[in-house]
Amino acid sequence: MTTSSDRNGFWEQRCVCVTGGAGFLGSYVVGKLEARGAGEIFIPHIEDYDLVQKGSILQMLEDAKPDIVIHLAANVGGIGANRAHPAEFFYDNLMMGVQLIHESWKAGVEKFVAIGTVCAYPKFTPVPFREEDLWNGYPEETNAPYGLAKKMMLVQSQAYRQQYGFNSIFLIPVNLYGPRDNFNLETSHVIPALIRKCIDAQETGEPTIDVWGDGSPTREFLYVEDAAEAILLATEHYQLSDPVNLGSSQEISIHDLVELIANLTGFEGDLVWDTTKPNGQPRRALDTSKAKDLFGFEAQMPLQEGLRRTVDWYRSHRVQIKEMSRQA
């Protein structure tokens, strides 16, 4: 594995365009790029570049002139958001990915890093999920439009490598969590939603919180800083278009996750399971051996410690988050 100085040598002469660089995962990727001494980091903000539109993509590539594109931008949310906006999630993510890869190839970008989603796996994939099983069935219905739109970047990456020799890679992270996550209950994923519900209930004296489903599904979660490190290691060392899983190799049931978060937040009320709401995919856990073998990535953050840090961050920022939610 390379040393820190070797890594800096890789990045210091390159301009890196990080779509979604102002977002949750993007902020950690940018921080690690800065620590590695990246020569230039270009962050396209949505106010200036609507990456669903070809014209904005062309303008971004002209303005940035990137050597490397790390494509993190996505229209994404939890089960509720996926059910409410399936068409938007499909169209926006498909158009961003397809056009951005194509125009990056045309512009002579040296390397393209595409970030997929665990939602692309078939609903009943054998656990742990292996990359070879990615095409063996249709995704879980509530996530399918989003998952399939992101999955098309894998097809495109492989096709463009085969025909044009374009150096693009495709990474599949599990659900991410950590400080700076999205705590808006309308669009958030399970961990920030549960943390907010527990802490808000404590503040208001509510005796119960509602939880979707029956608690039986399992999930795997990756701390956001670990995910950022994995992405940069892959950018530095991985040169193929075969998909690679990014995860923590720790599977936990939603029931146990809720109890753990309740304990960490100090919520002592009752948990009310709303079984009229969907469970989502029955089980999710990844085989992460390829990431270790191909570019040396292993997750470092234990789930309980990562959750504790996320809880602490929300407590210290909840007033600002609630104000932002009201303004939205």
C-alpha atoms as a PDB file:
ATOM      1  CA  MET A   1       0.000   0.000   0.000  1.00  0.00           C
ATOM      2  CA  THR A   2       1.164   3.511  -0.739  1.00  0.00           C
ATOM      3  CA  THR A   3       2.471   5.909   1.853  1.00  0.00           C
ATOM      4  CA  SER A   4       0.943   9.302   2.583  1.00  0.00           C
ATOM      5  CA  SER A   5       3.580  11.024   0.448  1.00  0.00           C
ATOM      6  CA  ASP A   6       2.845   8.655  -2.454  1.00  0.00           C
ATOM      7  CA  ARG A   7      -0.835   9.536  -2.211  1.00  0.00           C
ATOM      8  CA  ASN A   8      -0.058  13.230  -2.247  1.00  0.00           C
ATOM      9  CA  GLY A   9       2.030  12.641  -5.355  1.00  0.00           C
ATOM     10  CA  PHE A  10      -0.971  11.093  -7.069  1.00  0.00           C
ATOM     11  CA  TRP A  11      -3.256  14.030  -6.306  1.00  0.00           C
ATOM     12  CA  GLU A  12      -1.070  17.128  -6.246  1.00  0.00           C
ATOM     13  CA  GLN A  13      -0.899  17.703 -10.009  1.00  0.00           C
ATOM     14  CA  ARG A  14      -4.534  16.858 -10.702  1.00  0.00           C
ATOM     15  CA  CYS A  15      -7.767  18.820 -10.797  1.00  0.00           C
ATOM     16  CA  VAL A  16     -10.579  16.808  -9.207  1.00  0.00           C
ATOM     17  CA  CYS A  17     -14.220  17.633  -9.875  1.00  0.00           C
ATOM     18  CA  VAL A  18     -16.447  16.305  -7.073  1.00  0.00           C
ATOM     19  CA  THR A  19     -20.126  16.444  -8.004  1.00  0.00           C
ATOM     20  CA  GLY A  20     -22.131  16.549  -4.796  1.00  0.00           C
ATOM     21  CA  GLY A  21     -19.015  17.885  -3.103  1.00  0.00           C
ATOM     22  CA  ALA A  22     -21.086  20.226  -0.935  1.00  0.00           C
ATOM     23  CA  GLY A  23     -23.247  17.340   0.295  1.00  0.00           C
ATOM     24  CA  PHE A  24     -22.976  14.776   3.079  1.00  0.00           C
ATOM     25  CA  LEU A  25     -20.513  12.263   1.605  1.00  0.00           C
ATOM     26  CA  GLY A  26     -18.970  14.913  -0.631  1.00  0.00           C
ATOM     27  CA  SER A  27     -17.845  17.060   2.283  1.00  0.00           C
ATOM     28  CA  TYR A  28     -15.788  14.155   3.636  1.00  0.00           C
ATOM     29  CA  VAL A  29     -14.339  13.287   0.230  1.00  0.00           C
ATOM     30  CA  VAL A  30     -13.309  16.929  -0.253  1.00  0.00           C
ATOM     31  CA  GLY A  31     -11.753  17.026   3.219  1.00  0.00           C
ATOM     32  CA  LYS A  32      -9.686  13.941   2.467  1.00  0.00           C
ATOM     33  CA  LEU A  33      -8.664  15.325  -0.925  1.00  0.00           C
ATOM     34  CA  GLU A  34      -7.424  18.469   0.790  1.00  0.00           C
ATOM     35  CA  ALA A  35      -5.485  16.361   3.303  1.00  0.00           C
ATOM     36  CA  ARG A  36      -3.914  14.416   0.422  1.00  0.00           C
ATOM     37  CA  GLY A  37      -2.764  17.654  -1.227  1.00  0.00           C
ATOM     38  CA  ALA A  38      -5.004  17.660  -4.291  1.00  0.00           C
ATOM     39  CA  GLY A  39      -3.813  20.309  -6.733  1.00  0.00           C
ATOM     40  CA  GLU A  40      -7.289  21.703  -7.378  1.00  0.00           C
ATOM     41  CA  ILE A  41     -10.764  20.687  -6.194  1.00  0.00           C
ATOM     42  CA  PHE A  42     -13.792  21.878  -8.146  1.00  0.00           C
ATOM     43  CA  ILE A  43     -17.203  21.618  -6.452  1.00  0.00           C
ATOM     44  CA  PRO A  44     -20.159  22.336  -8.762  1.00  0.00           C
ATOM     45  CA  HIS A  45     -23.021  23.774  -6.709  1.00  0.00           C
ATOM     46  CA  ILE A  46     -26.574  23.011  -7.802  1.00  0.00           C
ATOM     47  CA  GLU A  47     -27.376  26.736  -7.962  1.00  0.00           C
ATOM     48  CA  ASP A  48     -24.797  27.074 -10.744  1.00  0.00           C
ATOM     49  CA  TYR A  49     -24.940  23.692 -12.463  1.00  0.00           C
ATOM     50  CA  ASP A  50     -28.069  21.564 -12.879  1.00  0.00           C
ATOM     51  CA  LEU A  51     -26.351  18.307 -13.780  1.00  0.00           C
ATOM     52  CA  VAL A  52     -29.570  16.803 -15.126  1.00  0.00           C
ATOM     53  CA  GLN A  53     -29.148  19.223 -18.035  1.00  0.00           C
ATOM     54  CA  LYS A  54     -26.530  18.550 -20.718  1.00  0.00           C
ATOM     55  CA  GLY A  55     -25.723  22.243 -21.056  1.00  0.00           C
ATOM     56  CA  SER A  56     -24.815  22.492 -17.377  1.00  0.00           C
ATOM     57  CA  ILE A  57     -22.604  19.424 -17.623  1.00  0.00           C
ATOM     58  CA  LEU A  58     -20.751  20.893 -20.594  1.00  0.00           C
ATOM     59  CA  GLN A  59     -20.330  24.189 -18.745  1.00  0.00           C
ATOM     60  CA  MET A  60     -19.056  22.434 -15.627  1.00  0.00           C
ATOM     61  CA  LEU A  61     -16.475  20.450 -17.581  1.00  0.00           C
ATOM     62  CA  GLU A  62     -15.367  23.595 -19.399  1.00  0.00           C
ATOM     63  CA  ASP A  63     -15.047  25.555 -16.144  1.00  0.00           C
ATOM     64  CA  ALA A  64     -13.324  22.787 -14.166  1.00  0.00           C
ATOM     65  CA  LYS A  65     -11.204  21.096 -16.874  1.00  0.00           C
ATOM     66  CA  PRO A  66     -10.910  18.120 -14.508  1.00  0.00           C
ATOM     67  CA  ASP A  67      -8.419  15.287 -14.683  1.00  0.00           C
ATOM     68  CA  ILE A  68     -10.657  13.192 -12.414  1.00  0.00           C
ATOM     69  CA  VAL A  69     -14.420  13.286 -11.899  1.00  0.00           C
ATOM     70  CA  ILE A  70     -15.843  11.769  -8.701  1.00  0.00           C
ATOM     71  CA  HIS A  71     -19.597  11.619  -9.247  1.00  0.00           C
ATOM     72  CA  LEU A  72     -21.389  11.715  -5.886  1.00  0.00           C
ATOM     73  CA  ALA A  73     -24.348  13.929  -6.802  1.00  0.00           C
ATOM     74  CA  ALA A  74     -27.705  12.140  -6.609  1.00  0.00           C
ATOM     75  CA  ASN A  75     -31.377  12.704  -6.015  1.00  0.00           C
ATOM     76  CA  VAL A  76     -31.837  10.298  -3.129  1.00  0.00           C
ATOM     77  CA  GLY A  77     -33.828   9.578   0.025  1.00  0.00           C
ATOM     78  CA  GLY A  78     -35.243   6.871   2.248  1.00  0.00           C
ATOM     79  CA  ILE A  79     -38.145   4.504   1.576  1.00  0.00           C
ATOM     80  CA  GLY A  80     -40.743   7.250   1.946  1.00  0.00           C
ATOM     81  CA  ALA A  81     -39.004   9.534  -0.531  1.00  0.00           C
ATOM     82  CA  ASN A  82     -38.513   6.655  -2.974  1.00  0.00           C
ATOM     83  CA  ARG A  83     -42.227   5.836  -2.845  1.00  0.00           C
ATOM     84  CA  ALA A  84     -43.240   9.468  -3.316  1.00  0.00           C
ATOM     85  CA  HIS A  85     -40.804  10.363  -6.124  1.00  0.00           C
ATOM     86  CA  PRO A  86     -39.954   7.237  -8.160  1.00  0.00           C
ATOM     87  CA  ALA A  87     -40.094   9.046 -11.509  1.00  0.00           C
ATOM     88  CA  GLU A  88     -37.860  11.906 -10.375  1.00  0.00           C
ATOM     89  CA  PHE A  89     -35.377   9.543  -8.768  1.00  0.00           C
ATOM     90  CA  PHE A  90     -35.186   7.510 -11.976  1.00  0.00           C
ATOM     91  CA  TYR A  91     -34.966  10.388 -14.432  1.00  0.00           C
ATOM     92  CA  ASP A  92     -32.668  12.718 -12.501  1.00  0.00           C
ATOM     93  CA  ASN A  93     -30.122  10.048 -11.580  1.00  0.00           C
ATOM     94  CA  LEU A  94     -30.161   8.401 -15.001  1.00  0.00           C
ATOM     95  CA  MET A  95     -29.692  11.659 -16.890  1.00  0.00           C
ATOM     96  CA  MET A  96     -26.955  12.881 -14.563  1.00  0.00           C
ATOM     97  CA  GLY A  97     -24.956   9.680 -14.827  1.00  0.00           C
ATOM     98  CA  VAL A  98     -25.347   8.879 -18.517  1.00  0.00           C
ATOM     99  CA  GLN A  99     -24.623  12.384 -19.771  1.00  0.00           C
ATOM    100  CA  LEU A 100     -21.809  13.052 -17.310  1.00  0.00           C
ATOM    101  CA  ILE A 101     -19.910   9.880 -18.208  1.00  0.00           C
ATOM    102  CA  HIS A 102     -20.377  10.508 -21.926  1.00  0.00           C
ATOM    103  CA  GLU A 103     -19.289  14.131 -21.816  1.00  0.00           C
ATOM    104  CA  SER A 104     -16.382  13.332 -19.484  1.00  0.00           C
ATOM    105  CA  TRP A 105     -15.122  10.785 -22.018  1.00  0.00           C
ATOM    106  CA  LYS A 106     -15.492  13.322 -24.821  1.00  0.00           C
ATOM    107  CA  ALA A 107     -13.645  15.952 -22.758  1.00  0.00           C
ATOM    108  CA  GLY A 108     -10.667  13.642 -22.189  1.00  0.00           C
ATOM    109  CA  VAL A 109     -11.157  13.146 -18.442  1.00  0.00           C
ATOM    110  CA  GLU A 110      -8.414  10.835 -17.155  1.00  0.00           C
ATOM    111  CA  LYS A 111     -10.579   8.873 -14.706  1.00  0.00           C
ATOM    112  CA  PHE A 112     -14.270   8.765 -13.792  1.00  0.00           C
ATOM    113  CA  VAL A 113     -15.431   7.432 -10.436  1.00  0.00           C
ATOM    114  CA  ALA A 114     -19.104   6.438 -10.413  1.00  0.00           C
ATOM    115  CA  ILE A 115     -20.886   5.814  -7.117  1.00  0.00           C
ATOM    116  CA  GLY A 116     -23.705   3.291  -7.341  1.00  0.00           C
ATOM    117  CA  THR A 117     -26.041   2.045  -4.625  1.00  0.00           C
ATOM    118  CA  VAL A 118     -26.785  -1.131  -2.734  1.00  0.00           C
ATOM    119  CA  CYS A 119     -30.398  -0.603  -3.893  1.00  0.00           C
ATOM    120  CA  ALA A 120     -29.301  -1.950  -7.285  1.00  0.00           C
ATOM    121  CA  TYR A 121     -29.012  -5.500  -5.926  1.00  0.00           C
ATOM    122  CA  PRO A 122     -31.884  -7.950  -6.509  1.00  0.00           C
ATOM    123  CA  LYS A 123     -34.519  -8.085  -3.767  1.00  0.00           C
ATOM    124  CA  PHE A 124     -33.616 -11.625  -2.715  1.00  0.00           C
ATOM    125  CA  THR A 125     -29.849 -11.589  -3.195  1.00  0.00           C
ATOM    126  CA  PRO A 126     -28.059 -14.291  -1.159  1.00  0.00           C
ATOM    127  CA  VAL A 127     -26.326 -12.797   1.888  1.00  0.00           C
ATOM    128  CA  PRO A 128     -23.617 -11.590   1.901  1.00  0.00           C
ATOM    129  CA  PHE A 129     -24.183  -9.786  -1.402  1.00  0.00           C
ATOM    130  CA  ARG A 130     -21.439 -10.622  -3.908  1.00  0.00           C
ATOM    131  CA  GLU A 131     -20.806  -8.434  -6.928  1.00  0.00           C
ATOM    132  CA  GLU A 132     -21.411 -11.435  -9.195  1.00  0.00           C
ATOM    133  CA  ASP A 133     -25.069 -11.539  -8.043  1.00  0.00           C
ATOM    134  CA  LEU A 134     -25.834  -7.976  -9.135  1.00  0.00           C
ATOM    135  CA  TRP A 135     -27.831  -9.027 -12.211  1.00  0.00           C
ATOM    136  CA  ASN A 136     -29.624 -12.084 -10.788  1.00  0.00           C
ATOM    137  CA  GLY A 137     -33.057 -10.482 -10.285  1.00  0.00           C
ATOM    138  CA  TYR A 138     -35.072  -7.280  -9.983  1.00  0.00           C
ATOM    139  CA  PRO A 139     -34.351  -4.815  -7.135  1.00  0.00           C
ATOM    140  CA  GLU A 140     -36.673  -4.329  -4.158  1.00  0.00           C
ATOM    141  CA  GLU A 141     -39.680  -2.453  -5.531  1.00  0.00           C
ATOM    142  CA  THR A 142     -39.567   0.698  -3.402  1.00  0.00           C
ATOM    143  CA  ASN A 143     -35.946   1.355  -4.413  1.00  0.00           C
ATOM    144  CA  ALA A 144     -35.954  -0.055  -7.956  1.00  0.00           C
ATOM    145  CA  PRO A 145     -36.238   3.159 -10.029  1.00  0.00           C
ATOM    146  CA  TYR A 146     -33.359   4.781  -8.145  1.00  0.00           C
ATOM    147  CA  GLY A 147     -31.278   1.607  -8.019  1.00  0.00           C
ATOM    148  CA  LEU A 148     -31.658   0.844 -11.718  1.00  0.00           C
ATOM    149  CA  ALA A 149     -30.886   4.410 -12.769  1.00  0.00           C
ATOM    150  CA  LYS A 150     -27.608   4.278 -10.840  1.00  0.00           C
ATOM    151  CA  LYS A 151     -26.886   0.773 -12.139  1.00  0.00           C
ATOM    152  CA  MET A 152     -26.845   2.058 -15.706  1.00  0.00           C
ATOM    153  CA  MET A 153     -23.562   3.805 -14.907  1.00  0.00           C
ATOM    154  CA  LEU A 154     -22.043   0.350 -14.459  1.00  0.00           C
ATOM    155  CA  VAL A 155     -23.246  -0.721 -17.911  1.00  0.00           C
ATOM    156  CA  GLN A 156     -21.936   2.508 -19.390  1.00  0.00           C
ATOM    157  CA  SER A 157     -18.616   2.256 -17.577  1.00  0.00           C
ATOM    158  CA  GLN A 158     -18.024  -1.234 -18.935  1.00  0.00           C
ATOM    159  CA  ALA A 159     -19.165  -0.319 -22.462  1.00  0.00           C
ATOM    160  CA  TYR A 160     -17.007   2.806 -22.636  1.00  0.00           C
ATOM    161  CA  ARG A 161     -13.980   0.943 -21.315  1.00  0.00           C
ATOM    162  CA  GLN A 162     -14.496  -1.822 -23.883  1.00  0.00           C
ATOM    163  CA  GLN A 163     -15.010   0.467 -26.875  1.00  0.00           C
ATOM    164  CA  TYR A 164     -13.043   3.604 -25.966  1.00  0.00           C
ATOM    165  CA  GLY A 165     -10.605   2.492 -23.260  1.00  0.00           C
ATOM    166  CA  PHE A 166     -12.192   5.053 -20.910  1.00  0.00           C
ATOM    167  CA  ASN A 167     -10.919   4.592 -17.362  1.00  0.00           C
ATOM    168  CA  SER A 168     -14.036   4.574 -15.208  1.00  0.00           C
ATOM    169  CA  ILE A 169     -14.846   2.595 -12.064  1.00  0.00           C
ATOM    170  CA  PHE A 170     -18.104   1.734 -10.288  1.00  0.00           C
ATOM    171  CA  LEU A 171     -18.370   1.454  -6.496  1.00  0.00           C
ATOM    172  CA  ILE A 172     -21.378   0.146  -4.532  1.00  0.00           C
ATOM    173  CA  PRO A 173     -21.620   1.533  -0.986  1.00  0.00           C
ATOM    174  CA  VAL A 174     -24.132   0.326   1.580  1.00  0.00           C
ATOM    175  CA  ASN A 175     -26.236   2.837   3.511  1.00  0.00           C
ATOM    176  CA  LEU A 176     -24.045   5.618   4.859  1.00  0.00           C
ATOM    177  CA  TYR A 177     -24.405   7.467   8.158  1.00  0.00           C
ATOM    178  CA  GLY A 178     -22.504   9.914  10.311  1.00  0.00           C
ATOM    179  CA  PRO A 179     -22.261  13.571  11.359  1.00  0.00           C
ATOM    180  CA  ARG A 180     -23.672  16.058   8.780  1.00  0.00           C
ATOM    181  CA  ASP A 181     -26.219  13.491   7.538  1.00  0.00           C
ATOM    182  CA  ASN A 182     -29.672  14.542   6.312  1.00  0.00           C
ATOM    183  CA  PHE A 183     -32.009  14.710   9.328  1.00  0.00           C
ATOM    184  CA  ASN A 184     -35.082  15.939   7.424  1.00  0.00           C
ATOM    185  CA  LEU A 185     -37.757  13.364   8.295  1.00  0.00           C
ATOM    186  CA  GLU A 186     -39.344  13.674   4.841  1.00  0.00           C
ATOM    187  CA  THR A 187     -36.233  12.564   2.982  1.00  0.00           C
ATOM    188  CA  SER A 188     -33.782  11.047   5.484  1.00  0.00           C
ATOM    189  CA  HIS A 189     -32.573   7.477   5.742  1.00  0.00           C
ATOM    190  CA  VAL A 190     -33.232   5.229   8.710  1.00  0.00           C
ATOM    191  CA  ILE A 191     -30.395   6.188  11.095  1.00  0.00           C
ATOM    192  CA  PRO A 192     -30.793   9.997  11.063  1.00  0.00           C
ATOM    193  CA  ALA A 193     -34.588   9.615  11.092  1.00  0.00           C
ATOM    194  CA  LEU A 194     -34.482   7.419  14.197  1.00  0.00           C
ATOM    195  CA  ILE A 195     -31.976   9.657  15.971  1.00  0.00           C
ATOM    196  CA  ARG A 196     -34.132  12.715  15.343  1.00  0.00           C
ATOM    197  CA  LYS A 197     -37.343  10.966  16.411  1.00  0.00           C
ATOM    198  CA  CYS A 198     -35.797   9.778  19.680  1.00  0.00           C
ATOM    199  CA  ILE A 199     -34.251  13.122  20.615  1.00  0.00           C
ATOM    200  CA  ASP A 200     -37.294  15.139  19.542  1.00  0.00           C
ATOM    201  CA  ALA A 201     -39.536  12.868  21.604  1.00  0.00           C
ATOM    202  CA  GLN A 202     -37.341  13.459  24.641  1.00  0.00           C
ATOM    203  CA  GLU A 203     -37.575  17.225  24.169  1.00  0.00           C
ATOM    204  CA  THR A 204     -41.357  17.254  23.772  1.00  0.00           C
ATOM    205  CA  GLY A 205     -42.116  14.549  26.326  1.00  0.00           C
ATOM    206  CA  GLU A 206     -43.716  12.233  23.766  1.00  0.00           C
ATOM    207  CA  PRO A 207     -44.077   8.729  25.264  1.00  0.00           C
ATOM    208  CA  THR A 208     -43.709   6.871  21.948  1.00  0.00           C
ATOM    209  CA  ILE A 209     -42.044   7.025  18.553  1.00  0.00           C
ATOM    210  CA  ASP A 210     -43.296   5.392  15.370  1.00  0.00           C
ATOM    211  CA  VAL A 211     -40.996   3.100  13.422  1.00  0.00           C
ATOM    212  CA  TRP A 212     -41.714   1.824   9.915  1.00  0.00           C
ATOM    213  CA  GLY A 213     -42.148  -1.898   9.290  1.00  0.00           C
ATOM    214  CA  ASP A 214     -41.866  -4.772  11.751  1.00  0.00           C
ATOM    215  CA  GLY A 215     -38.151  -4.557  12.574  1.00  0.00           C
ATOM    216  CA  SER A 216     -37.192  -7.825  10.903  1.00  0.00           C
ATOM    217  CA  PRO A 217     -35.116  -6.555   7.928  1.00  0.00           C
ATOM    218  CA  THR A 218     -31.369  -6.398   8.338  1.00  0.00           C
ATOM    219  CA  ARG A 219     -29.051  -3.696   7.106  1.00  0.00           C
ATOM    220  CA  GLU A 220     -25.353  -2.914   6.928  1.00  0.00           C
ATOM    221  CA  PHE A 221     -24.130   0.626   7.512  1.00  0.00           C
ATOM    222  CA  LEU A 222     -20.872   2.335   6.584  1.00  0.00           C
ATOM    223  CA  TYR A 223     -19.568   5.356   8.457  1.00  0.00           C
ATOM    224  CA  VAL A 224     -19.277   8.257   6.044  1.00  0.00           C
ATOM    225  CA  GLU A 225     -15.602   8.930   6.715  1.00  0.00           C
ATOM    226  CA  ASP A 226     -14.796   5.290   5.958  1.00  0.00           C
ATOM    227  CA  ALA A 227     -16.769   5.590   2.703  1.00  0.00           C
ATOM    228  CA  ALA A 228     -14.796   8.669   1.680  1.00  0.00           C
ATOM    229  CA  GLU A 229     -11.518   6.870   2.332  1.00  0.00           C
ATOM    230  CA  ALA A 230     -12.684   3.890   0.271  1.00  0.00           C
ATOM    231  CA  ILE A 231     -13.554   6.130  -2.683  1.00  0.00           C
ATOM    232  CA  LEU A 232     -10.137   7.794  -2.690  1.00  0.00           C
ATOM    233  CA  LEU A 233      -8.284   4.485  -2.309  1.00  0.00           C
ATOM    234  CA  ALA A 234     -10.228   3.109  -5.282  1.00  0.00           C
ATOM    235  CA  THR A 235      -9.462   6.234  -7.305  1.00  0.00           C
ATOM    236  CA  GLU A 236      -5.767   5.839  -6.562  1.00  0.00           C
ATOM    237  CA  HIS A 237      -5.445   2.089  -7.130  1.00  0.00           C
ATOM    238  CA  TYR A 238      -8.378   0.512  -8.980  1.00  0.00           C
ATOM    239  CA  GLN A 239      -8.352   0.472 -12.785  1.00  0.00           C
ATOM    240  CA  LEU A 240     -11.218  -1.815 -13.868  1.00  0.00           C
ATOM    241  CA  SER A 241     -14.951  -1.399 -14.501  1.00  0.00           C
ATOM    242  CA  ASP A 242     -16.052  -4.448 -12.507  1.00  0.00           C
ATOM    243  CA  PRO A 243     -18.302  -3.313  -9.610  1.00  0.00           C
ATOM    244  CA  VAL A 244     -16.865  -3.289  -6.096  1.00  0.00           C
ATOM    245  CA  ASN A 245     -18.828  -3.331  -2.822  1.00  0.00           C
ATOM    246  CA  LEU A 246     -18.032  -0.844  -0.045  1.00  0.00           C
ATOM    247  CA  GLY A 247     -19.289  -1.827   3.395  1.00  0.00           C
ATOM    248  CA  SER A 248     -18.476  -2.527   7.018  1.00  0.00           C
ATOM    249  CA  SER A 249     -19.241  -6.282   7.056  1.00  0.00           C
ATOM    250  CA  GLN A 250     -21.539  -5.791  10.073  1.00  0.00           C
ATOM    251  CA  GLU A 251     -25.192  -6.812   9.628  1.00  0.00           C
ATOM    252  CA  ILE A 252     -27.824  -5.634  12.128  1.00  0.00           C
ATOM    253  CA  SER A 253     -31.599  -5.959  12.250  1.00  0.00           C
ATOM    254  CA  ILE A 254     -33.703  -2.803  12.195  1.00  0.00           C
ATOM    255  CA  HIS A 255     -35.188  -3.919  15.517  1.00  0.00           C
ATOM    256  CA  ASP A 256     -31.740  -4.084  17.142  1.00  0.00           C
ATOM    257  CA  LEU A 257     -30.686  -0.835  15.464  1.00  0.00           C
ATOM    258  CA  VAL A 258     -33.696   1.020  16.868  1.00  0.00           C
ATOM    259  CA  GLU A 259     -33.007  -0.292  20.376  1.00  0.00           C
ATOM    260  CA  LEU A 260     -29.347   0.702  20.081  1.00  0.00           C
ATOM    261  CA  ILE A 261     -30.223   4.238  18.967  1.00  0.00           C
ATOM    262  CA  ALA A 262     -32.857   4.555  21.708  1.00  0.00           C
ATOM    263  CA  ASN A 263     -30.212   3.543  24.234  1.00  0.00           C
ATOM    264  CA  LEU A 264     -27.594   5.956  22.875  1.00  0.00           C
ATOM    265  CA  THR A 265     -30.039   8.877  22.829  1.00  0.00           C
ATOM    266  CA  GLY A 266     -31.514   8.015  26.250  1.00  0.00           C
ATOM    267  CA  PHE A 267     -35.047   7.604  24.877  1.00  0.00           C
ATOM    268  CA  GLU A 268     -37.001   5.487  27.371  1.00  0.00           C
ATOM    269  CA  GLY A 269     -40.448   5.556  25.759  1.00  0.00           C
ATOM    270  CA  ASP A 270     -42.191   2.876  23.713  1.00  0.00           C
ATOM    271  CA  LEU A 271     -41.420   1.910  20.142  1.00  0.00           C
ATOM    272  CA  VAL A 272     -44.552   1.581  17.998  1.00  0.00           C
ATOM    273  CA  TRP A 273     -43.965  -0.539  14.894  1.00  0.00           C
ATOM    274  CA  ASP A 274     -46.129   0.604  11.983  1.00  0.00           C
ATOM    275  CA  THR A 275     -46.531  -2.612   9.995  1.00  0.00           C
ATOM    276  CA  THR A 276     -48.654  -0.841   7.378  1.00  0.00           C
ATOM    277  CA  LYS A 277     -45.398   0.711   6.158  1.00  0.00           C
ATOM    278  CA  PRO A 278     -42.981  -1.290   3.953  1.00  0.00           C
ATOM    279  CA  ASN A 279     -39.985  -3.138   5.336  1.00  0.00           C
ATOM    280  CA  GLY A 280     -37.915  -2.677   2.199  1.00  0.00           C
ATOM    281  CA  GLN A 281     -35.392  -5.332   1.222  1.00  0.00           C
ATOM    282  CA  PRO A 282     -35.477  -8.308   3.645  1.00  0.00           C
ATOM    283  CA  ARG A 283     -31.713  -8.474   4.232  1.00  0.00           C
ATOM    284  CA  ARG A 284     -28.727  -6.387   3.248  1.00  0.00           C
ATOM    285  CA  ALA A 285     -25.115  -7.247   3.955  1.00  0.00           C
ATOM    286  CA  LEU A 286     -22.158  -7.126   1.594  1.00  0.00           C
ATOM    287  CA  ASP A 287     -19.171  -9.291   0.815  1.00  0.00           C
ATOM    288  CA  THR A 288     -16.446  -6.654   0.983  1.00  0.00           C
ATOM    289  CA  SER A 289     -13.458  -8.885   0.209  1.00  0.00           C
ATOM    290  CA  LYS A 290     -12.853  -7.355  -3.237  1.00  0.00           C
ATOM    291  CA  ALA A 291     -12.413  -3.846  -1.833  1.00  0.00           C
ATOM    292  CA  LYS A 292      -9.755  -5.171   0.529  1.00  0.00           C
ATOM    293  CA  ASP A 293      -8.008  -7.235  -2.137  1.00  0.00           C
ATOM    294  CA  LEU A 294      -8.151  -4.690  -4.966  1.00  0.00           C
ATOM    295  CA  PHE A 295      -7.369  -1.419  -3.171  1.00  0.00           C
ATOM    296  CA  GLY A 296      -6.790  -2.190   0.482  1.00  0.00           C
ATOM    297  CA  PHE A 297      -9.989  -0.837   2.007  1.00  0.00           C
ATOM    298  CA  GLU A 298     -11.342  -2.055   5.352  1.00  0.00           C
ATOM    299  CA  ALA A 299     -13.886  -0.085   7.411  1.00  0.00           C
ATOM    300  CA  GLN A 300     -12.464   1.249  10.681  1.00  0.00           C
ATOM    301  CA  MET A 301     -15.441   2.704  12.571  1.00  0.00           C
ATOM    302  CA  PRO A 302     -17.421   0.347  14.863  1.00  0.00           C
ATOM    303  CA  LEU A 303     -21.179   0.878  14.491  1.00  0.00           C
ATOM    304  CA  GLN A 304     -21.863   1.840  18.117  1.00  0.00           C
ATOM    305  CA  GLU A 305     -19.101   4.460  18.172  1.00  0.00           C
ATOM    306  CA  GLY A 306     -20.179   5.847  14.804  1.00  0.00           C
ATOM    307  CA  LEU A 307     -23.761   6.119  16.024  1.00  0.00           C
ATOM    308  CA  ARG A 308     -22.617   7.856  19.208  1.00  0.00           C
ATOM    309  CA  ARG A 309     -20.748  10.466  17.154  1.00  0.00           C
ATOM    310  CA  THR A 310     -23.785  10.966  14.928  1.00  0.00           C
ATOM    311  CA  VAL A 311     -26.090  11.400  17.941  1.00  0.00           C
ATOM    312  CA  ASP A 312     -23.699  13.937  19.481  1.00  0.00           C
ATOM    313  CA  TRP A 313     -23.533  15.886  16.215  1.00  0.00           C
ATOM    314  CA  TYR A 314     -27.320  16.047  15.893  1.00  0.00           C
ATOM    315  CA  ARG A 315     -27.707  17.220  19.494  1.00  0.00           C
ATOM    316  CA  SER A 316     -25.298  20.094  18.875  1.00  0.00           C
ATOM    317  CA  HIS A 317     -26.897  21.093  15.539  1.00  0.00           C
ATOM    318  CA  ARG A 318     -30.598  20.297  16.014  1.00  0.00           C
ATOM    319  CA  VAL A 319     -31.720  23.914  16.407  1.00  0.00           C
ATOM    320  CA  GLN A 320     -30.163  24.867  13.050  1.00  0.00           C
ATOM    321  CA  ILE A 321     -31.511  21.713  11.391  1.00  0.00           C
ATOM    322  CA  LYS A 322     -35.064  22.378  12.552  1.00  0.00           C
ATOM    323  CA  GLU A 323     -34.869  25.982  11.397  1.00  0.00           C
ATOM    324  CA  MET A 324     -33.648  24.860   7.967  1.00  0.00           C
ATOM    325  CA  SER A 325     -36.523  22.344   7.797  1.00  0.00           C
ATOM    326  CA  ARG A 326     -39.062  25.082   8.515  1.00  0.00           C
ATOM    327  CA  GLN A 327     -37.584  27.359   5.860  1.00  0.00           C
ATOM    328  CA  ALA A 328     -37.670  24.540   3.283  1.00  0.00           C
END
